């Protein structure tokens, strides 16, 4: 059992808008920073799905992105940060043209994605875990891992969307 205490309310995350890097070509983004508690996974999924709904993203794509974000954040908490309450997970969501870009960063030591067992292999079919990376790769158009010398892993996921230009401004989104 975890010694992490559920903080309750929206204090679970620091919701603020900022850019990771000063780059004028990038559109506004949503930034969330959460403690490494599994109960925070749903908060992130709700925030991202609310943003997608306000952007009029089709339900099927919103579900795919929501599932990918849920799996990515759960993996960052459990595997990256080892459910260590003193470590944070950062989630950045932005638009680059008609492409949704989500970056999930943990403070763990990293891993080799090539060494993750294939959940579709016969010996892994009945295992209760190991499908998160598979789902992320299936639902997102691009998936990239960036490793930060034993100081965290960033998972960058991209999904093309057909967004009407007038609706693709994240600065109008209220979470």
Protein backbone atom coordinates (compact mmCIF):
# COMPACT_ATOMS: atom_id res chain seq x y z
CA UNK A 1 0.00 0.00 0.00
CA UNK A 2 1.29 3.41 -0.91
CA UNK A 3 2.03 5.98 1.77
CA UNK A 4 0.90 8.73 -0.58
CA UNK A 5 -1.99 10.78 0.68
CA UNK A 6 -4.72 11.83 -1.72
CA UNK A 7 -4.72 15.61 -1.66
CA UNK A 8 -8.24 16.03 -3.06
CA UNK A 9 -9.74 18.74 -5.25
CA UNK A 10 -7.81 20.36 -8.08
CA UNK A 11 -4.80 20.74 -5.79
CA UNK A 12 -3.76 17.42 -7.32
CA UNK A 13 -2.28 19.25 -10.27
CA UNK A 14 -0.82 22.60 -11.03
CA UNK A 15 -2.74 23.70 -14.09
CA UNK A 16 -1.05 26.48 -15.97
CA UNK A 17 -0.25 27.45 -19.50
CA UNK A 18 3.37 27.77 -20.55
CA UNK A 19 5.79 26.69 -23.23
CA UNK A 20 8.50 24.11 -22.62
CA UNK A 21 10.88 26.00 -24.85
CA UNK A 22 10.53 29.53 -26.11
CA UNK A 23 9.55 28.85 -29.70
CA UNK A 24 7.26 31.34 -31.43
CA UNK A 25 6.21 28.75 -34.03
CA UNK A 26 4.48 26.64 -31.37
CA UNK A 27 0.90 27.38 -30.51
CA UNK A 28 -0.33 27.73 -26.90
CA UNK A 29 -0.28 24.65 -24.74
CA UNK A 30 -1.74 23.21 -21.60
CA UNK A 31 0.68 22.11 -18.88
CA UNK A 32 -0.19 19.80 -15.98
CA UNK A 33 2.13 18.74 -13.20
CA UNK A 34 0.96 15.94 -10.92
CA UNK A 35 2.28 13.91 -8.04
CA UNK A 36 3.04 10.24 -8.68
CA UNK A 37 -0.27 8.86 -7.45
CA UNK A 38 -2.42 6.64 -9.66
CA UNK A 39 -5.57 8.54 -8.67
CA UNK A 40 -4.13 11.49 -10.63
CA UNK A 41 -4.26 9.56 -13.94
CA UNK A 42 -7.97 10.20 -14.31
CA UNK A 43 -7.51 13.92 -13.65
CA UNK A 44 -5.07 14.19 -16.55
CA UNK A 45 -7.32 12.16 -18.85
CA UNK A 46 -10.32 14.35 -17.98
CA UNK A 47 -8.36 17.55 -18.62
CA UNK A 48 -7.06 16.37 -22.00
CA UNK A 49 -10.45 15.00 -23.08
CA UNK A 50 -12.10 18.31 -22.08
CA UNK A 51 -9.58 20.15 -24.26
CA UNK A 52 -10.27 17.77 -27.15
CA UNK A 53 -14.03 18.24 -26.76
CA UNK A 54 -13.66 22.02 -26.86
CA UNK A 55 -11.63 21.60 -30.04
CA UNK A 56 -14.52 19.57 -31.55
CA UNK A 57 -12.37 16.47 -32.01
CA UNK A 58 -14.40 13.45 -33.15
CA UNK A 59 -15.32 11.08 -30.34
CA UNK A 60 -13.34 8.14 -31.74
CA UNK A 61 -10.13 10.19 -31.88
CA UNK A 62 -10.77 11.72 -28.45
CA UNK A 63 -11.15 8.20 -27.04
CA UNK A 64 -7.90 7.06 -28.68
CA UNK A 65 -5.95 10.06 -27.40
CA UNK A 66 -7.58 9.71 -23.96
CA UNK A 67 -6.59 6.06 -23.73
CA UNK A 68 -3.03 6.81 -24.85
CA UNK A 69 -2.65 9.60 -22.30
CA UNK A 70 -4.07 7.42 -19.54
CA UNK A 71 -1.60 4.62 -20.32
CA UNK A 72 1.35 7.01 -20.66
CA UNK A 73 0.68 8.74 -17.35
CA UNK A 74 0.07 5.44 -15.52
CA UNK A 75 3.37 4.09 -16.91
CA UNK A 76 5.21 7.28 -15.89
CA UNK A 77 3.87 6.99 -12.35
CA UNK A 78 4.27 3.23 -11.87
CA UNK A 79 7.33 2.37 -13.93
CA UNK A 80 9.14 5.68 -14.35
CA UNK A 81 8.71 7.19 -10.91
CA UNK A 82 8.15 3.85 -9.13
CA UNK A 83 5.05 5.43 -7.45
CA UNK A 84 7.40 7.69 -5.47
CA UNK A 85 5.19 10.51 -4.16
CA UNK A 86 8.13 12.91 -4.08
CA UNK A 87 8.47 12.67 -7.88
CA UNK A 88 6.34 14.52 -10.40
CA UNK A 89 4.89 13.69 -13.80
CA UNK A 90 4.55 16.55 -16.27
CA UNK A 91 2.07 16.51 -19.12
CA UNK A 92 2.18 19.03 -21.95
CA UNK A 93 -0.55 19.20 -24.58
CA UNK A 94 -0.30 21.49 -27.58
CA UNK A 95 -1.30 21.90 -31.19
CA UNK A 96 1.15 22.19 -34.02
CA UNK A 97 -1.07 22.99 -36.97
CA UNK A 98 -3.61 20.15 -37.10
CA UNK A 99 -1.43 17.84 -35.05
CA UNK A 100 -2.03 17.21 -31.36
CA UNK A 101 1.25 16.77 -29.50
CA UNK A 102 1.33 15.33 -25.98
CA UNK A 103 4.50 14.98 -23.95
CA UNK A 104 4.54 12.98 -20.70
CA UNK A 105 7.72 13.30 -18.63
CA UNK A 106 8.69 11.37 -15.50
CA UNK A 107 11.69 11.59 -13.17
CA UNK A 108 12.74 7.93 -13.40
CA UNK A 109 15.95 6.33 -14.63
CA UNK A 110 14.58 5.35 -18.05
CA UNK A 111 14.19 2.02 -19.79
CA UNK A 112 14.79 0.28 -23.09
CA UNK A 113 11.48 0.13 -25.03
CA UNK A 114 12.95 -2.71 -27.11
CA UNK A 115 13.16 -4.90 -24.01
CA UNK A 116 9.49 -4.57 -23.11
CA UNK A 117 7.88 -7.99 -23.70
CA UNK A 118 5.40 -8.19 -26.57
CA UNK A 119 1.96 -8.59 -24.93
CA UNK A 120 0.72 -10.48 -28.01
CA UNK A 121 3.24 -13.32 -27.60
CA UNK A 122 1.67 -16.54 -26.31
CA UNK A 123 3.52 -16.48 -22.95
CA UNK A 124 2.30 -12.92 -22.26
CA UNK A 125 -1.35 -13.18 -23.29
CA UNK A 126 -2.66 -13.93 -19.80
CA UNK A 127 -0.43 -11.49 -17.94
CA UNK A 128 -2.40 -8.69 -16.29
CA UNK A 129 -0.11 -5.91 -17.52
CA UNK A 130 2.14 -4.94 -20.40
CA UNK A 131 -0.35 -3.58 -22.91
CA UNK A 132 0.06 0.16 -22.34
CA UNK A 133 2.86 0.74 -24.85
CA UNK A 134 1.02 -1.39 -27.42
CA UNK A 135 -2.14 0.73 -27.03
CA UNK A 136 -0.18 3.97 -27.21
CA UNK A 137 1.52 2.86 -30.44
CA UNK A 138 -1.78 1.71 -31.94
CA UNK A 139 -3.74 4.87 -31.13
CA UNK A 140 -1.16 7.57 -31.84
CA UNK A 141 0.42 8.39 -35.20
CA UNK A 142 3.95 8.92 -33.82
CA UNK A 143 5.52 7.78 -30.56
CA UNK A 144 9.01 8.84 -29.48
CA UNK A 145 10.94 8.30 -26.24
CA UNK A 146 13.53 10.84 -25.12
CA UNK A 147 15.85 9.83 -22.30
CA UNK A 148 17.44 12.40 -20.02
CA UNK A 149 20.57 10.70 -18.59
CA UNK A 150 18.94 8.92 -15.64
CA UNK A 151 16.90 12.04 -14.87
CA UNK A 152 13.67 11.08 -16.53
CA UNK A 153 11.98 9.89 -19.66
CA UNK A 154 9.81 11.97 -21.96
CA UNK A 155 7.24 10.21 -24.12
CA UNK A 156 6.15 12.36 -27.07
CA UNK A 157 2.95 11.29 -28.82
CA UNK A 158 1.49 12.87 -31.96
CA UNK A 159 -1.92 12.51 -33.60
CA UNK A 160 -3.14 14.22 -36.78
CA UNK A 161 -6.59 15.78 -36.52
CA UNK A 162 -8.77 17.68 -38.93
CA UNK A 163 -9.42 20.74 -36.80
CA UNK A 164 -11.27 23.79 -38.07
CA UNK A 165 -8.77 26.65 -37.86
CA UNK A 166 -11.07 28.86 -35.79
CA UNK A 167 -11.39 26.13 -33.15
CA UNK A 168 -7.74 25.12 -32.94
CA UNK A 169 -6.63 27.74 -30.42
CA UNK A 170 -5.80 26.20 -27.04
CA UNK A 171 -5.75 29.63 -25.41
CA UNK A 172 -9.57 29.52 -25.51
CA UNK A 173 -9.78 26.25 -23.58
CA UNK A 174 -10.98 26.33 -19.99
CA UNK A 175 -10.10 23.36 -17.81
